[in-house]
N, C-alpha and C. Protein backbone atom coordinates (compact mmCIF):
# COMPACT_ATOMS: atom_id res chain seq x y z
N MET A 1 -6.70 32.02 13.90
CA MET A 1 -5.47 32.90 13.99
C MET A 1 -5.65 33.97 15.09
N SER A 2 -4.59 34.21 15.79
CA SER A 2 -4.57 34.93 17.05
C SER A 2 -4.68 36.37 16.69
N LEU A 3 -5.14 37.25 17.73
CA LEU A 3 -5.31 38.64 17.50
C LEU A 3 -4.10 39.31 17.02
N GLY A 4 -2.99 38.87 17.77
CA GLY A 4 -1.66 39.62 17.36
C GLY A 4 -1.32 39.32 15.85
N MET A 5 -1.62 38.10 15.33
CA MET A 5 -1.40 37.80 13.92
C MET A 5 -2.05 38.72 13.10
N ILE A 6 -3.47 38.80 13.31
CA ILE A 6 -4.40 39.61 12.55
C ILE A 6 -3.93 41.09 12.57
N SER A 7 -3.53 41.61 13.58
CA SER A 7 -3.00 43.05 13.79
C SER A 7 -1.78 43.30 12.94
N PHE A 8 -0.86 42.20 13.07
CA PHE A 8 0.43 42.30 12.29
C PHE A 8 0.14 42.36 10.68
N LEU A 9 -0.74 41.42 10.27
CA LEU A 9 -1.07 41.33 8.83
C LEU A 9 -1.77 42.79 8.37
N ALA A 10 -2.62 43.27 9.29
CA ALA A 10 -3.18 44.53 8.95
C ALA A 10 -2.20 45.66 8.77
N LEU A 11 -1.21 45.66 9.62
CA LEU A 11 -0.05 46.65 9.49
C LEU A 11 0.58 46.43 8.20
N CYS A 12 1.00 45.21 7.84
CA CYS A 12 1.63 44.82 6.56
C CYS A 12 0.73 45.55 5.39
N VAL A 13 -0.60 45.19 5.44
CA VAL A 13 -1.39 45.76 4.38
C VAL A 13 -1.36 47.29 4.23
N PHE A 14 -1.38 47.96 5.49
CA PHE A 14 -1.33 49.43 5.64
C PHE A 14 -0.10 49.94 4.94
N PHE A 15 1.05 49.38 5.31
CA PHE A 15 2.30 49.93 4.74
C PHE A 15 2.51 49.63 3.24
N ILE A 16 1.75 48.49 2.69
CA ILE A 16 1.83 48.36 1.25
C ILE A 16 1.00 49.31 0.56
N GLN A 17 -0.39 49.49 1.15
CA GLN A 17 -1.34 50.45 0.40
C GLN A 17 -0.98 51.82 0.35
N VAL A 18 -0.43 52.37 1.55
CA VAL A 18 -0.22 53.79 1.66
C VAL A 18 1.11 54.24 1.06
N PRO A 19 1.12 55.04 0.10
CA PRO A 19 2.21 55.26 -0.59
C PRO A 19 3.10 56.30 0.11
N GLN A 20 4.43 56.12 -0.02
CA GLN A 20 5.30 56.94 0.74
C GLN A 20 5.28 58.47 0.16
N GLY A 21 5.56 59.45 1.09
CA GLY A 21 5.58 60.72 0.55
C GLY A 21 4.27 61.20 -0.03
N GLN A 22 2.99 60.78 0.57
CA GLN A 22 1.73 61.00 -0.07
C GLN A 22 1.54 62.54 -0.20
N THR A 23 1.97 63.28 0.79
CA THR A 23 1.69 64.58 0.76
C THR A 23 2.75 65.42 -0.06
N GLY A 24 3.55 64.81 -0.64
CA GLY A 24 4.52 65.51 -1.45
C GLY A 24 3.81 66.33 -2.69
N CYS A 25 4.69 67.10 -3.40
CA CYS A 25 4.18 67.82 -4.45
C CYS A 25 5.16 67.47 -5.62
N ALA A 26 4.52 67.23 -6.85
CA ALA A 26 5.21 66.99 -8.04
C ALA A 26 4.74 67.83 -9.16
N GLU A 27 5.67 68.47 -9.94
CA GLU A 27 5.34 69.49 -10.89
C GLU A 27 5.13 68.64 -12.13
N VAL A 28 3.90 68.38 -12.45
CA VAL A 28 3.52 67.67 -13.68
C VAL A 28 3.22 68.61 -14.80
N GLU A 29 3.61 68.24 -16.02
CA GLU A 29 3.45 69.21 -17.18
C GLU A 29 1.91 69.07 -17.62
N SER A 30 1.34 70.21 -18.12
CA SER A 30 -0.04 70.18 -18.58
C SER A 30 -0.05 69.49 -19.91
N MET A 31 -1.28 68.87 -20.21
CA MET A 31 -1.52 68.43 -21.54
C MET A 31 -1.61 69.65 -22.49
N THR A 32 -1.42 69.36 -23.74
CA THR A 32 -1.49 70.57 -24.67
C THR A 32 -2.47 70.35 -25.96
N GLU A 33 -3.30 69.36 -25.84
CA GLU A 33 -4.20 69.22 -27.07
C GLU A 33 -5.62 69.02 -26.48
N ALA A 34 -6.50 70.03 -26.93
CA ALA A 34 -7.91 70.00 -26.36
C ALA A 34 -8.85 69.62 -27.54
N VAL A 35 -10.05 69.23 -27.33
CA VAL A 35 -10.93 68.83 -28.31
C VAL A 35 -12.14 70.00 -28.43
N ALA A 36 -12.38 70.38 -29.55
CA ALA A 36 -13.40 71.43 -29.59
C ALA A 36 -14.68 71.05 -29.06
N GLY A 37 -15.23 71.87 -28.33
CA GLY A 37 -16.67 71.56 -27.78
C GLY A 37 -16.65 70.86 -26.40
N GLU A 38 -15.50 70.41 -25.94
CA GLU A 38 -15.36 69.63 -24.83
C GLU A 38 -14.49 70.65 -23.66
N SER A 39 -14.41 70.08 -22.53
CA SER A 39 -13.72 70.79 -21.42
C SER A 39 -12.22 70.32 -21.43
N PHE A 40 -11.36 71.23 -20.93
CA PHE A 40 -9.93 70.90 -20.95
C PHE A 40 -9.28 71.45 -19.69
N LEU A 41 -8.48 70.73 -19.12
CA LEU A 41 -7.69 71.02 -17.80
C LEU A 41 -6.40 71.69 -18.23
N LEU A 42 -6.20 73.06 -17.87
CA LEU A 42 -4.82 73.71 -18.05
C LEU A 42 -4.19 73.46 -16.89
N GLY A 43 -3.22 72.54 -16.86
CA GLY A 43 -2.39 72.30 -15.62
C GLY A 43 -1.30 73.31 -15.43
N CYS A 44 -1.13 73.69 -14.17
CA CYS A 44 -0.07 74.56 -13.60
C CYS A 44 0.26 74.29 -12.19
N ILE A 45 1.34 73.67 -11.86
CA ILE A 45 1.88 73.29 -10.45
C ILE A 45 3.26 73.94 -10.21
N SER A 46 3.34 74.63 -9.19
CA SER A 46 4.66 75.13 -8.74
C SER A 46 4.74 74.74 -7.25
N CYS A 47 5.60 73.89 -7.02
CA CYS A 47 5.88 73.30 -5.68
C CYS A 47 6.71 74.37 -4.76
N LYS A 48 6.37 74.57 -3.72
CA LYS A 48 7.23 75.41 -2.64
C LYS A 48 8.40 74.55 -2.34
N ARG A 49 9.55 75.14 -2.44
CA ARG A 49 10.74 74.39 -2.24
C ARG A 49 11.10 74.43 -0.64
N ARG A 50 10.54 75.25 0.12
CA ARG A 50 10.77 75.23 1.46
C ARG A 50 9.48 75.01 2.40
N GLU A 51 9.10 73.64 2.43
CA GLU A 51 7.78 73.46 3.04
C GLU A 51 7.62 73.84 4.43
N GLU A 52 8.77 74.00 5.13
CA GLU A 52 8.51 74.32 6.62
C GLU A 52 8.21 75.97 6.69
N VAL A 53 8.41 76.63 5.62
CA VAL A 53 8.13 78.15 5.67
C VAL A 53 6.75 78.40 5.20
N PRO A 54 5.95 79.27 6.04
CA PRO A 54 4.59 79.46 5.59
C PRO A 54 4.63 80.40 4.48
N GLY A 55 3.52 80.41 3.69
CA GLY A 55 3.58 81.29 2.58
C GLY A 55 2.20 81.43 1.88
N SER A 56 2.06 82.42 0.97
CA SER A 56 0.79 82.47 0.28
C SER A 56 1.12 82.83 -1.25
N ALA A 57 0.11 82.56 -2.07
CA ALA A 57 0.36 82.82 -3.48
C ALA A 57 -0.92 83.33 -4.24
N ILE A 58 -0.63 84.12 -5.14
CA ILE A 58 -1.84 84.65 -6.04
C ILE A 58 -1.43 84.06 -7.59
N VAL A 59 -2.47 83.39 -8.12
CA VAL A 59 -2.19 82.90 -9.56
C VAL A 59 -2.94 83.65 -10.58
N ASP A 60 -2.11 84.06 -11.62
CA ASP A 60 -2.74 84.71 -12.66
C ASP A 60 -2.65 83.86 -14.08
N TRP A 61 -3.60 83.88 -14.81
CA TRP A 61 -3.61 83.24 -16.12
C TRP A 61 -3.65 84.29 -17.18
N HIS A 62 -2.63 84.31 -18.19
CA HIS A 62 -2.81 85.17 -19.31
C HIS A 62 -2.94 84.31 -20.60
N PHE A 63 -3.43 84.94 -21.78
CA PHE A 63 -3.65 84.08 -22.87
C PHE A 63 -3.17 84.98 -24.05
N LYS A 64 -2.35 84.35 -24.99
CA LYS A 64 -1.91 85.01 -26.29
C LYS A 64 -2.46 84.17 -27.35
N PRO A 65 -3.44 84.71 -28.12
CA PRO A 65 -4.00 83.95 -29.24
C PRO A 65 -2.80 83.61 -30.24
N ALA A 66 -3.14 82.54 -30.96
CA ALA A 66 -2.02 82.14 -32.18
C ALA A 66 -2.01 83.18 -33.18
N GLY A 67 -0.82 83.69 -33.50
CA GLY A 67 -0.52 84.70 -34.46
C GLY A 67 -0.58 86.15 -33.90
N THR A 68 -0.65 86.21 -32.55
CA THR A 68 -0.58 87.74 -32.09
C THR A 68 0.59 87.67 -31.05
N GLU A 69 0.87 88.88 -30.52
CA GLU A 69 2.09 89.18 -29.77
C GLU A 69 1.71 89.60 -28.36
N GLU A 70 0.49 89.92 -28.09
CA GLU A 70 0.21 90.39 -26.70
C GLU A 70 -0.67 89.43 -25.95
N PHE A 71 -0.40 89.29 -24.62
CA PHE A 71 -1.08 88.47 -23.68
C PHE A 71 -2.36 89.24 -23.28
N ILE A 72 -3.39 88.68 -22.92
CA ILE A 72 -4.43 89.17 -22.32
C ILE A 72 -4.74 88.51 -21.08
N HIS A 73 -5.11 89.42 -19.98
CA HIS A 73 -5.42 88.67 -18.62
C HIS A 73 -6.75 87.98 -18.59
N ILE A 74 -6.91 86.83 -18.47
CA ILE A 74 -8.14 86.18 -18.40
C ILE A 74 -8.68 85.63 -17.10
N PHE A 75 -7.69 85.40 -16.08
CA PHE A 75 -8.12 84.78 -14.78
C PHE A 75 -7.20 84.99 -13.64
N GLN A 76 -7.84 85.12 -12.50
CA GLN A 76 -6.91 85.23 -11.36
C GLN A 76 -7.44 84.61 -10.10
N TYR A 77 -6.78 84.04 -9.38
CA TYR A 77 -7.12 83.34 -8.11
C TYR A 77 -6.45 83.98 -6.99
N GLU A 78 -7.07 84.67 -6.02
CA GLU A 78 -6.42 85.13 -4.83
C GLU A 78 -7.46 84.63 -3.74
N TYR A 79 -6.87 83.82 -2.90
CA TYR A 79 -7.75 83.17 -1.92
C TYR A 79 -8.62 84.08 -1.16
N PRO A 80 -9.93 83.79 -0.95
CA PRO A 80 -10.56 82.48 -1.54
C PRO A 80 -11.30 82.56 -2.90
N PHE A 81 -11.10 83.60 -3.58
CA PHE A 81 -11.93 84.04 -4.74
C PHE A 81 -11.34 83.89 -6.14
N PRO A 82 -11.84 83.07 -7.05
CA PRO A 82 -11.42 82.93 -8.36
C PRO A 82 -12.22 84.00 -9.08
N THR A 83 -11.56 84.74 -10.12
CA THR A 83 -12.10 85.82 -10.84
C THR A 83 -11.86 85.68 -12.26
N THR A 84 -12.80 85.68 -13.11
CA THR A 84 -12.52 85.60 -14.56
C THR A 84 -12.38 87.18 -15.08
N ARG A 85 -11.22 87.38 -15.83
CA ARG A 85 -10.87 88.84 -16.14
C ARG A 85 -11.19 89.20 -17.61
N HIS A 86 -11.66 88.28 -18.39
CA HIS A 86 -11.97 88.68 -19.71
C HIS A 86 -13.28 88.14 -20.19
N GLU A 87 -14.19 88.93 -21.07
CA GLU A 87 -15.44 88.65 -21.32
C GLU A 87 -15.49 87.49 -22.28
N ASN A 88 -14.41 87.04 -23.00
CA ASN A 88 -14.49 85.88 -23.78
C ASN A 88 -14.61 84.71 -23.09
N TYR A 89 -14.14 84.66 -21.76
CA TYR A 89 -14.01 83.50 -20.94
C TYR A 89 -15.04 83.52 -19.78
N GLU A 90 -15.96 84.41 -19.81
CA GLU A 90 -16.86 84.50 -18.72
C GLU A 90 -17.83 83.26 -18.76
N GLY A 91 -17.85 82.61 -17.64
CA GLY A 91 -18.62 81.30 -17.42
C GLY A 91 -17.96 80.06 -17.87
N ARG A 92 -16.65 80.25 -18.46
CA ARG A 92 -16.19 79.09 -19.11
C ARG A 92 -14.92 78.59 -18.33
N LEU A 93 -14.39 79.28 -17.39
CA LEU A 93 -13.28 79.04 -16.45
C LEU A 93 -13.70 78.63 -15.18
N GLU A 94 -12.96 77.56 -14.72
CA GLU A 94 -13.39 77.11 -13.31
C GLU A 94 -12.06 76.65 -12.79
N TRP A 95 -11.89 77.25 -11.46
CA TRP A 95 -10.70 76.95 -10.58
C TRP A 95 -10.56 75.55 -10.24
N GLN A 96 -9.46 74.96 -10.55
CA GLN A 96 -9.30 73.43 -10.16
C GLN A 96 -7.97 73.34 -9.30
N GLY A 97 -7.52 74.48 -8.78
CA GLY A 97 -6.14 74.40 -8.06
C GLY A 97 -6.47 74.19 -6.52
N THR A 98 -5.53 74.55 -5.84
CA THR A 98 -5.39 74.47 -4.24
C THR A 98 -6.69 75.27 -3.62
N ILE A 99 -7.31 74.64 -2.74
CA ILE A 99 -8.46 75.30 -2.19
C ILE A 99 -8.26 75.16 -0.51
N GLY A 100 -8.98 76.05 0.12
CA GLY A 100 -9.01 76.10 1.67
C GLY A 100 -7.61 76.57 2.22
N THR A 101 -6.65 77.19 1.45
CA THR A 101 -5.45 77.67 2.12
C THR A 101 -4.95 78.72 1.05
N LYS A 102 -4.20 79.81 1.75
CA LYS A 102 -3.58 80.80 0.89
C LYS A 102 -2.33 80.00 0.18
N ASP A 103 -1.81 78.99 0.77
CA ASP A 103 -0.56 78.58 0.26
C ASP A 103 -0.68 77.67 -0.93
N VAL A 104 -1.04 78.35 -2.05
CA VAL A 104 -1.39 77.73 -3.23
C VAL A 104 -0.22 77.04 -4.00
N GLN A 105 -0.26 75.81 -4.25
CA GLN A 105 0.74 75.15 -5.15
C GLN A 105 0.20 74.67 -6.40
N ILE A 106 -1.17 74.48 -6.55
CA ILE A 106 -1.68 73.97 -7.79
C ILE A 106 -2.57 75.00 -8.35
N GLY A 107 -2.27 75.53 -9.55
CA GLY A 107 -2.83 76.75 -10.08
C GLY A 107 -3.70 76.22 -11.34
N ALA A 108 -4.26 75.08 -11.47
CA ALA A 108 -4.98 74.59 -12.66
C ALA A 108 -6.40 75.09 -12.79
N ILE A 109 -6.75 75.37 -13.98
CA ILE A 109 -8.07 75.70 -14.38
C ILE A 109 -8.66 74.96 -15.45
N PHE A 110 -10.08 74.70 -15.41
CA PHE A 110 -10.72 74.15 -16.55
C PHE A 110 -11.23 75.17 -17.52
N ILE A 111 -11.12 74.81 -18.81
CA ILE A 111 -11.73 75.60 -19.82
C ILE A 111 -12.93 74.79 -20.40
N HIS A 112 -14.13 75.31 -20.07
CA HIS A 112 -15.28 74.64 -20.65
C HIS A 112 -15.65 74.99 -21.98
N ASN A 113 -16.37 74.30 -22.84
CA ASN A 113 -16.77 74.58 -24.24
C ASN A 113 -15.58 75.14 -25.03
N VAL A 114 -14.51 74.34 -25.16
CA VAL A 114 -13.37 74.69 -25.79
C VAL A 114 -13.65 75.11 -27.30
N THR A 115 -13.19 76.28 -27.99
CA THR A 115 -13.40 76.63 -29.25
C THR A 115 -12.06 76.72 -29.98
N TYR A 116 -11.98 76.84 -31.25
CA TYR A 116 -10.83 76.97 -31.91
C TYR A 116 -10.07 78.25 -31.59
N ASN A 117 -10.88 79.08 -31.21
CA ASN A 117 -10.17 80.48 -30.78
C ASN A 117 -9.34 80.41 -29.55
N ASP A 118 -9.51 79.33 -28.90
CA ASP A 118 -8.68 79.02 -27.67
C ASP A 118 -7.27 78.49 -28.03
N THR A 119 -6.99 78.25 -29.21
CA THR A 119 -5.70 77.84 -29.52
C THR A 119 -4.74 79.03 -29.35
N GLY A 120 -3.55 78.69 -28.76
CA GLY A 120 -2.55 79.80 -28.50
C GLY A 120 -1.71 79.49 -27.27
N THR A 121 -1.11 80.48 -26.71
CA THR A 121 -0.13 80.30 -25.45
C THR A 121 -0.82 80.67 -24.27
N TYR A 122 -0.81 79.99 -23.29
CA TYR A 122 -1.40 80.28 -21.94
C TYR A 122 -0.16 80.51 -20.99
N LEU A 123 -0.20 81.52 -20.30
CA LEU A 123 0.92 81.93 -19.27
C LEU A 123 0.28 81.82 -17.90
N CYS A 124 0.86 80.95 -17.01
CA CYS A 124 0.39 80.85 -15.53
C CYS A 124 1.51 81.36 -14.72
N THR A 125 1.12 82.32 -13.96
CA THR A 125 2.01 82.99 -13.06
C THR A 125 1.71 82.90 -11.62
N PHE A 126 2.59 82.44 -10.79
CA PHE A 126 2.56 82.39 -9.24
C PHE A 126 3.20 83.63 -8.73
N HIS A 127 2.55 84.53 -8.04
CA HIS A 127 3.15 85.60 -7.20
C HIS A 127 3.28 85.01 -5.78
N ARG A 128 4.31 84.43 -5.35
CA ARG A 128 4.39 83.92 -4.07
C ARG A 128 5.12 84.56 -2.95
N THR A 129 4.55 84.54 -1.77
CA THR A 129 5.20 85.29 -0.77
C THR A 129 5.60 84.25 0.29
N LEU A 130 6.84 84.28 0.74
CA LEU A 130 7.24 83.44 1.81
C LEU A 130 7.57 84.40 3.08
N TYR A 131 6.91 83.79 4.15
CA TYR A 131 7.04 84.57 5.42
C TYR A 131 8.25 83.98 6.23
N LEU A 132 9.29 84.65 6.10
CA LEU A 132 10.52 84.29 6.92
C LEU A 132 10.39 84.92 8.26
N LEU A 133 11.35 84.48 9.09
CA LEU A 133 11.33 84.91 10.49
C LEU A 133 11.54 86.40 10.62
N LEU A 134 12.51 86.86 9.83
CA LEU A 134 12.90 88.31 9.80
C LEU A 134 12.40 89.22 8.77
N ASP A 135 11.87 88.55 7.66
CA ASP A 135 11.47 89.28 6.46
C ASP A 135 10.57 88.42 5.64
N GLU A 136 10.03 89.11 4.55
CA GLU A 136 9.30 88.41 3.49
C GLU A 136 9.99 88.24 2.29
N GLU A 137 9.78 86.99 1.59
CA GLU A 137 10.53 86.90 0.27
C GLU A 137 9.43 86.70 -0.80
N HIS A 138 9.62 87.53 -1.92
CA HIS A 138 8.57 87.37 -3.04
C HIS A 138 9.28 86.76 -4.06
N VAL A 139 8.51 85.76 -4.65
CA VAL A 139 8.95 84.91 -5.77
C VAL A 139 7.99 84.91 -6.89
N ILE A 140 8.40 85.09 -8.14
CA ILE A 140 7.44 84.93 -9.31
C ILE A 140 7.86 83.65 -10.04
N ILE A 141 6.87 82.81 -10.30
CA ILE A 141 7.19 81.75 -11.13
C ILE A 141 6.28 81.69 -12.49
N ASN A 142 6.85 81.56 -13.60
CA ASN A 142 6.04 81.59 -14.82
C ASN A 142 6.04 80.17 -15.47
N LYS A 143 4.89 79.76 -15.99
CA LYS A 143 4.87 78.45 -16.64
C LYS A 143 3.94 78.68 -17.99
N GLU A 144 4.41 78.16 -19.06
CA GLU A 144 3.68 78.47 -20.33
C GLU A 144 3.12 77.10 -20.79
N VAL A 145 1.72 77.12 -21.54
CA VAL A 145 1.23 76.00 -21.97
C VAL A 145 0.91 76.40 -23.43
N GLU A 146 1.41 75.58 -24.34
CA GLU A 146 1.03 75.74 -25.84
C GLU A 146 -0.14 74.90 -26.05
N LEU A 147 -1.36 75.55 -26.28
CA LEU A 147 -2.56 74.72 -26.41
C LEU A 147 -3.02 74.69 -27.95
N THR A 148 -3.31 73.48 -28.48
CA THR A 148 -3.88 73.26 -29.71
C THR A 148 -5.18 72.75 -29.63
N VAL A 149 -6.10 73.22 -30.44
CA VAL A 149 -7.63 72.70 -30.33
C VAL A 149 -7.77 71.90 -31.70
N VAL A 150 -8.28 70.70 -31.55
CA VAL A 150 -8.49 69.81 -32.55
C VAL A 150 -9.88 69.33 -32.63
N GLU A 151 -10.32 68.74 -33.81
CA GLU A 151 -11.76 68.31 -33.92
C GLU A 151 -11.90 67.03 -33.12
N LYS A 152 -10.96 66.10 -33.14
CA LYS A 152 -11.13 64.83 -32.49
C LYS A 152 -9.74 64.49 -31.83
N ALA A 153 -9.95 63.89 -30.72
CA ALA A 153 -8.73 63.55 -29.89
C ALA A 153 -7.74 62.44 -30.66
N ASN A 154 -6.55 62.78 -30.56
CA ASN A 154 -5.53 61.82 -31.36
C ASN A 154 -4.70 61.23 -30.18
N PRO A 155 -4.89 60.02 -29.67
CA PRO A 155 -4.14 59.39 -28.70
C PRO A 155 -2.59 59.29 -29.13
N GLU A 156 -1.68 59.89 -28.47
CA GLU A 156 -0.31 59.53 -28.80
C GLU A 156 0.19 58.21 -28.44
N LEU A 157 1.18 57.80 -29.22
CA LEU A 157 1.85 56.52 -28.89
C LEU A 157 2.31 56.52 -27.38
N THR A 158 2.98 57.60 -26.97
CA THR A 158 3.41 57.52 -25.71
C THR A 158 2.45 57.51 -24.62
N ALA A 159 1.33 58.07 -24.82
CA ALA A 159 0.18 58.01 -24.01
C ALA A 159 -0.45 56.58 -23.88
N VAL A 160 -0.49 55.89 -24.96
CA VAL A 160 -0.98 54.42 -25.00
C VAL A 160 -0.03 53.65 -24.24
N ILE A 161 1.29 53.73 -24.50
CA ILE A 161 2.28 52.96 -23.87
C ILE A 161 2.29 53.16 -22.32
N SER A 162 2.10 54.45 -21.99
CA SER A 162 2.00 54.76 -20.59
C SER A 162 0.84 54.12 -19.79
N GLU A 163 -0.31 54.08 -20.50
CA GLU A 163 -1.50 53.50 -20.06
C GLU A 163 -1.26 51.90 -19.75
N ILE A 164 -0.62 51.35 -20.78
CA ILE A 164 -0.33 49.90 -20.69
C ILE A 164 0.65 49.63 -19.53
N MET A 165 1.57 50.51 -19.40
CA MET A 165 2.48 50.26 -18.27
C MET A 165 1.94 50.52 -16.98
N MET A 166 0.82 51.39 -16.90
CA MET A 166 0.26 51.53 -15.55
C MET A 166 -0.45 50.38 -15.09
N TYR A 167 -1.21 49.76 -16.24
CA TYR A 167 -1.98 48.49 -15.86
C TYR A 167 -0.94 47.30 -15.46
N VAL A 168 0.20 47.32 -16.21
CA VAL A 168 1.04 46.27 -15.89
C VAL A 168 1.67 46.56 -14.42
N LEU A 169 1.79 47.79 -14.12
CA LEU A 169 2.39 48.16 -12.84
C LEU A 169 1.54 47.82 -11.75
N ILE A 170 0.17 48.03 -11.93
CA ILE A 170 -0.87 47.63 -10.99
C ILE A 170 -0.83 46.15 -10.71
N VAL A 171 -0.75 45.34 -11.86
CA VAL A 171 -0.77 43.78 -11.59
C VAL A 171 0.50 43.49 -10.70
N VAL A 172 1.59 43.99 -11.24
CA VAL A 172 2.91 43.59 -10.50
C VAL A 172 2.73 44.06 -9.08
N LEU A 173 2.22 45.23 -8.68
CA LEU A 173 2.13 45.57 -7.44
C LEU A 173 1.27 44.81 -6.50
N GLN A 174 0.06 44.31 -7.22
CA GLN A 174 -0.92 43.39 -6.57
C GLN A 174 -0.24 42.07 -6.24
N LEU A 175 0.60 41.47 -7.14
CA LEU A 175 1.21 40.35 -6.92
C LEU A 175 2.27 40.37 -5.88
N TRP A 176 2.87 41.54 -5.80
CA TRP A 176 3.97 41.80 -4.77
C TRP A 176 3.29 41.87 -3.35
N MET A 177 2.11 42.37 -3.41
CA MET A 177 1.40 42.67 -2.08
C MET A 177 1.10 41.17 -1.59
N ILE A 178 0.47 40.31 -2.50
CA ILE A 178 0.18 39.02 -2.12
C ILE A 178 1.22 38.25 -1.53
N GLY A 179 2.45 38.40 -2.35
CA GLY A 179 3.72 37.75 -1.88
C GLY A 179 4.13 38.25 -0.41
N VAL A 180 4.03 39.58 -0.13
CA VAL A 180 4.37 40.18 1.08
C VAL A 180 3.40 39.52 2.19
N LEU A 181 2.09 39.48 1.88
CA LEU A 181 1.22 38.88 2.85
C LEU A 181 1.41 37.40 3.24
N ILE A 182 1.86 36.65 2.24
CA ILE A 182 2.20 35.30 2.38
C ILE A 182 3.45 35.19 3.25
N TYR A 183 4.34 36.02 2.89
CA TYR A 183 5.76 35.95 3.73
C TYR A 183 5.37 36.33 5.30
N CYS A 184 4.53 37.41 5.29
CA CYS A 184 4.24 37.74 6.74
C CYS A 184 3.57 36.77 7.63
N TYR A 185 2.58 36.02 6.78
CA TYR A 185 1.81 34.93 7.42
C TYR A 185 2.73 33.77 7.94
N ARG A 186 3.50 33.34 7.01
CA ARG A 186 4.53 32.32 7.20
C ARG A 186 5.48 32.56 8.42
N LYS A 187 5.94 33.89 8.39
CA LYS A 187 6.80 34.25 9.50
C LYS A 187 6.26 34.27 10.91
N ILE A 188 4.96 34.78 10.89
CA ILE A 188 4.22 34.76 12.12
C ILE A 188 3.81 33.37 12.55
N TYR A 189 3.42 32.51 11.53
CA TYR A 189 3.06 31.12 12.08
C TYR A 189 4.37 30.45 12.59
N ALA A 190 5.54 30.66 11.93
CA ALA A 190 6.75 30.13 12.40
C ALA A 190 7.07 30.46 13.79
N GLU A 191 6.85 31.83 14.13
CA GLU A 191 7.27 32.49 15.34
C GLU A 191 6.18 31.89 16.32
N ASN A 192 4.91 31.65 16.06
CA ASN A 192 3.98 31.21 16.82
C ASN A 192 4.42 29.69 17.22
N GLU A 193 4.72 28.88 16.18
CA GLU A 193 5.11 27.58 16.54
C GLU A 193 6.36 27.39 17.34
N ALA A 194 7.30 28.34 17.24
CA ALA A 194 8.41 28.28 18.05
C ALA A 194 8.12 28.68 19.50
N ARG A 195 7.17 29.66 19.66
CA ARG A 195 6.74 30.30 20.87
C ARG A 195 6.06 28.96 21.72
N GLU A 196 5.16 28.28 20.98
CA GLU A 196 4.40 27.08 21.56
C GLU A 196 5.42 26.08 21.99
N ALA A 197 6.47 25.70 21.10
CA ALA A 197 7.43 24.79 21.51
C ALA A 197 8.18 25.15 22.78
N ARG A 198 8.58 26.51 22.87
CA ARG A 198 9.44 26.98 24.12
C ARG A 198 8.53 26.85 25.22
N LYS A 199 7.10 27.16 25.19
CA LYS A 199 6.25 27.19 26.30
C LYS A 199 6.14 25.67 26.85
N ALA A 200 5.98 24.73 25.76
CA ALA A 200 5.85 23.19 26.11
C ALA A 200 7.21 22.82 26.78
N ALA A 201 8.35 23.26 26.35
CA ALA A 201 9.57 22.79 26.86
C ALA A 201 9.60 23.40 28.32
N ARG A 202 9.15 24.59 28.51
CA ARG A 202 9.22 25.18 29.95
C ARG A 202 8.35 24.37 30.80
N SER A 203 7.12 24.07 30.34
CA SER A 203 6.26 23.38 31.14
C SER A 203 6.81 21.95 31.54
N GLN A 204 7.51 21.31 30.54
CA GLN A 204 8.07 19.99 30.82
C GLN A 204 9.01 20.12 31.89
N ASN A 205 10.03 21.18 31.71
CA ASN A 205 10.99 21.37 32.78
C ASN A 205 10.48 21.54 34.16
N LYS A 206 9.46 22.43 34.23
CA LYS A 206 8.74 22.66 35.54
C LYS A 206 8.22 21.37 36.15
N PHE A 207 7.76 20.42 35.29
CA PHE A 207 7.09 19.17 35.84
C PHE A 207 8.20 18.27 36.43
N ILE A 208 9.39 18.23 35.66
CA ILE A 208 10.46 17.46 36.15
C ILE A 208 11.01 17.95 37.43
N ASP A 209 11.13 19.34 37.53
CA ASP A 209 11.73 19.94 38.82
C ASP A 209 10.71 19.66 39.92
N SER A 210 9.45 19.67 39.62
CA SER A 210 8.50 19.57 40.73
C SER A 210 8.41 18.10 41.29
N LYS A 211 9.06 17.24 40.74
CA LYS A 211 8.87 15.83 41.14
C LYS A 211 9.71 15.68 42.41
N ASP A 212 9.24 14.79 43.38
CA ASP A 212 10.08 14.50 44.58
C ASP A 212 11.15 13.60 44.29
N PRO A 213 12.43 14.16 44.72
CA PRO A 213 13.59 13.37 44.36
C PRO A 213 13.66 12.03 45.19
N CYS A 214 12.76 11.87 46.29
CA CYS A 214 12.72 10.64 46.94
C CYS A 214 11.75 9.66 46.37
N ASP A 215 11.07 10.03 45.26
CA ASP A 215 10.13 9.03 44.72
C ASP A 215 10.82 7.77 44.20
N GLY A 216 10.36 6.66 44.62
CA GLY A 216 10.92 5.38 44.05
C GLY A 216 12.08 4.81 44.87
N VAL A 217 12.30 5.63 45.98
CA VAL A 217 13.46 5.21 47.04
C VAL A 217 12.77 4.47 48.19
N TYR A 218 13.10 3.34 48.49
CA TYR A 218 12.53 2.53 49.65
C TYR A 218 13.54 2.23 50.58
N LEU A 219 13.19 2.28 51.74
CA LEU A 219 14.09 2.11 52.85
C LEU A 219 13.80 0.68 53.48
N GLU A 220 14.78 -0.05 53.80
CA GLU A 220 14.46 -1.60 54.34
C GLU A 220 14.64 -1.27 55.87
């Protein structure tokens, strides 16, 4: 197989394996059921609508226990420092959001050693500042998560179906990838065959043109 064919096949594999829009942001909802004694990820994503505009964000988490009316401030992330704001959560909260930049879009946190007292409403707040050319724009985004703590995980039917569909999709994509590679190989092989045929034809024409027109002519 020629170097050009190998390079083309590698390029095909690259475009198949690399997802389009890899650096995009998708606002996925948080899970809402935690298991007592384990860790739980409180998800919170707020995608910036104007990617070309630089910005920064401070993320606050508040908690309202079940059966109460007031929120308490439990956590804050202001680049680059995460800070636990309530003694009940000291040593139990871990920042899992955007790191390395002030332009925060993922504000997730881990709750370790979940207890039944963690049941309630969690409020995630983004205080975002957009640095426009002539001025600054301040935006506040709130997202709530209703958390229930259970003794044992209960897999939902939708979650099971989603997992099955994920594996089916993986198999389909692998088969599609193999089909594309076969198509690429056949196309390149056909092009190489056509190229070799054209080269042979050109060589034959040059050989005919180079023959002496007087060959085989005898004078008496």
